[in-house]
Protein backbone atom coordinates (compact mmCIF):
# COMPACT_ATOMS: atom_id res chain seq x y z
CA UNK A 1 106.98 140.35 63.28
CA UNK A 2 106.23 139.83 66.81
CA UNK A 3 105.65 136.12 67.85
CA UNK A 4 103.59 134.89 70.58
CA UNK A 5 104.89 132.72 72.84
CA UNK A 6 102.52 130.36 74.70
CA UNK A 7 102.83 130.72 78.25
CA UNK A 8 102.67 127.98 80.55
CA UNK A 9 99.19 128.77 82.12
CA UNK A 10 97.71 128.68 78.65
CA UNK A 11 98.93 125.02 78.18
CA UNK A 12 97.61 124.16 81.19
CA UNK A 13 94.51 125.22 80.50
CA UNK A 14 94.01 123.65 77.43
CA UNK A 15 94.66 120.40 78.73
CA UNK A 16 91.92 120.77 81.55
CA UNK A 17 89.39 121.70 79.07
CA UNK A 18 90.49 118.76 77.34
CA UNK A 19 90.23 116.84 80.61
CA UNK A 20 87.03 118.62 81.71
CA UNK A 21 85.46 117.35 78.28
CA UNK A 22 85.80 113.89 78.73
CA UNK A 23 85.04 113.73 82.24
CA UNK A 24 81.83 116.04 81.32
CA UNK A 25 81.47 113.00 78.58
CA UNK A 26 81.64 109.82 80.88
CA UNK A 27 79.42 111.66 83.52
CA UNK A 28 76.63 112.23 80.62
CA UNK A 29 77.05 108.68 79.81
CA UNK A 30 76.63 107.31 83.34
CA UNK A 31 73.49 109.47 84.30
CA UNK A 32 71.97 108.07 81.01
CA UNK A 33 73.00 104.74 82.07
CA UNK A 34 71.61 105.02 85.44
CA UNK A 35 68.19 106.52 84.16
CA UNK A 36 68.03 103.56 81.83
CA UNK A 37 68.52 100.86 84.92
CA UNK A 38 66.26 102.70 86.98
CA UNK A 39 63.72 102.78 84.31
CA UNK A 40 64.12 98.82 83.44
CA UNK A 41 63.79 98.16 87.28
CA UNK A 42 60.38 99.88 87.30
CA UNK A 43 59.23 98.60 84.40
CA UNK A 44 60.19 94.96 85.76
CA UNK A 45 58.55 95.64 89.26
CA UNK A 46 55.34 96.73 87.13
CA UNK A 47 55.23 93.43 85.03
CA UNK A 48 55.57 91.24 87.93
CA UNK A 49 52.74 92.63 89.24
CA UNK A 50 50.69 91.99 85.72
CA UNK A 51 51.85 88.73 85.93
CA UNK A 52 50.55 87.92 89.48
CA UNK A 53 47.64 89.12 88.21
CA UNK A 54 47.56 86.79 85.07
CA UNK A 55 48.20 83.94 87.68
CA UNK A 56 45.36 85.17 89.79
CA UNK A 57 43.08 84.98 86.72
CA UNK A 58 43.89 81.38 86.29
CA UNK A 59 42.08 80.22 89.37
CA UNK A 60 38.78 81.60 88.53
CA UNK A 61 36.79 80.71 85.54
CA UNK A 62 36.25 82.90 82.71
CA UNK A 63 32.63 84.34 82.20
CA UNK A 64 32.82 82.53 78.81
CA UNK A 65 34.10 79.30 77.95
CA UNK A 66 34.64 78.29 74.79
CA UNK A 67 34.16 74.62 74.24
CA UNK A 68 34.75 72.25 71.64
CA UNK A 69 32.70 68.72 72.11
CA UNK A 70 34.21 65.39 70.76
CA UNK A 71 32.56 62.23 70.28
CA UNK A 72 34.73 59.52 71.19
CA UNK A 73 32.37 56.52 71.87
CA UNK A 74 31.19 56.38 68.50
CA UNK A 75 27.64 56.70 69.09
CA UNK A 76 25.84 58.56 66.83
CA UNK A 77 24.59 61.98 67.81
CA UNK A 78 26.34 62.15 71.04
CA UNK A 79 28.23 65.34 70.36
CA UNK A 80 24.88 67.16 69.51
CA UNK A 81 23.50 65.99 72.60
CA UNK A 82 26.12 67.19 74.92
CA UNK A 83 26.14 70.38 72.81
CA UNK A 84 22.87 71.49 73.04
CA UNK A 85 23.32 70.89 77.17
CA UNK A 86 26.07 72.68 77.33
CA UNK A 87 24.52 75.54 75.56
CA UNK A 88 21.81 75.29 77.68
CA UNK A 89 23.99 75.95 80.62
CA UNK A 90 25.86 78.95 78.87
CA UNK A 91 28.94 77.53 77.71
CA UNK A 92 30.02 78.68 74.45
CA UNK A 93 30.46 75.74 71.93
CA UNK A 94 32.08 76.58 69.24
CA UNK A 95 33.03 73.23 67.47
CA UNK A 96 31.82 69.88 67.55
CA UNK A 97 32.84 66.60 65.74
CA UNK A 98 34.74 63.17 66.23
CA UNK A 99 37.56 62.62 68.10
CA UNK A 100 41.00 60.74 66.59
CA UNK A 101 39.16 57.48 68.26
CA UNK A 102 36.20 55.99 69.26
CA UNK A 103 37.28 53.86 72.16
CA UNK A 104 37.03 56.16 74.76
CA UNK A 105 35.99 54.76 77.94
CA UNK A 106 35.82 57.51 80.23
CA UNK A 107 34.76 60.93 79.34
CA UNK A 108 37.86 63.71 79.71
CA UNK A 109 38.32 67.15 79.34
CA UNK A 110 41.23 69.04 78.21
CA UNK A 111 42.20 72.56 79.34
CA UNK A 112 43.54 74.05 76.39
CA UNK A 113 44.76 77.39 78.00
CA UNK A 114 46.37 76.72 81.20
CA UNK A 115 43.26 77.84 83.20
CA UNK A 116 42.47 74.78 84.81
CA UNK A 117 39.13 76.51 86.80
CA UNK A 118 37.28 76.81 83.27
CA UNK A 119 38.06 72.84 82.21
CA UNK A 120 36.71 72.13 86.02
CA UNK A 121 33.55 73.75 85.45
CA UNK A 122 32.79 72.35 82.21
CA UNK A 123 33.69 68.76 84.03
CA UNK A 124 31.27 69.70 87.15
CA UNK A 125 28.25 70.59 84.60
CA UNK A 126 28.89 67.67 82.68
CA UNK A 127 29.16 65.27 85.97
CA UNK A 128 32.76 64.46 84.96
CA UNK A 129 34.90 63.45 87.32
CA UNK A 130 38.15 65.94 88.05
CA UNK A 131 40.78 62.96 87.77
CA UNK A 132 39.39 63.17 83.86
CA UNK A 133 40.78 66.56 83.75
CA UNK A 134 43.83 67.00 81.95
CA UNK A 135 45.67 69.89 80.91
CA UNK A 136 47.50 70.19 76.70
CA UNK A 137 47.98 73.40 76.03
CA UNK A 138 47.31 74.65 72.24
CA UNK A 139 48.24 78.20 71.81
CA UNK A 140 46.87 77.80 68.13
CA UNK A 141 43.46 76.70 69.38
CA UNK A 142 40.86 79.34 69.71
CA UNK A 143 38.70 77.69 72.37
CA UNK A 144 39.80 77.04 76.14
CA UNK A 145 38.21 73.61 76.85
CA UNK A 146 37.76 70.01 74.49
CA UNK A 147 35.53 67.81 76.23
CA UNK A 148 35.89 63.96 75.08
CA UNK A 149 32.21 62.07 75.48
CA UNK A 150 33.36 58.42 76.43
CA UNK A 151 31.68 55.25 76.53
CA UNK A 152 30.16 56.59 79.97
CA UNK A 153 28.27 58.70 78.43
CA UNK A 154 24.97 57.47 79.62
CA UNK A 155 25.79 58.25 83.58
CA UNK A 156 26.94 62.20 82.47
CA UNK A 157 24.56 64.91 82.84
CA UNK A 158 22.90 65.89 79.55
């Protein structure tokens, strides 16, 4: 029986093969990492331009503005009267009712979505001073603007 002895070259060759496997694995992992980081960078850049577009849209009034009209002065029928007026002015009045109190002196417009242009447009139609436009974001509300009619309702457009 003949026993083959390993030569030094064969031992070195197997070491190189093991080293090559490890190096190839590391190169593959780094290549995947570079592709992932490149994709992330382009996604983020594309996302930031979309965010800028959203921010630009917040400066413009929407074509359809959904409005809630609330009676804050206690006079019977005031919310109905202003609802009719706003609908004639092409606003989408989706809700009407009473405010939490009837002691509101100055009428106000509340921006519910963060688009002040919508609230300003409603305020302008009613003749409400822009200083009486406030923002109270409500992500759960299905409307853009709330109008609280105060005791100054006789001085407003209706």
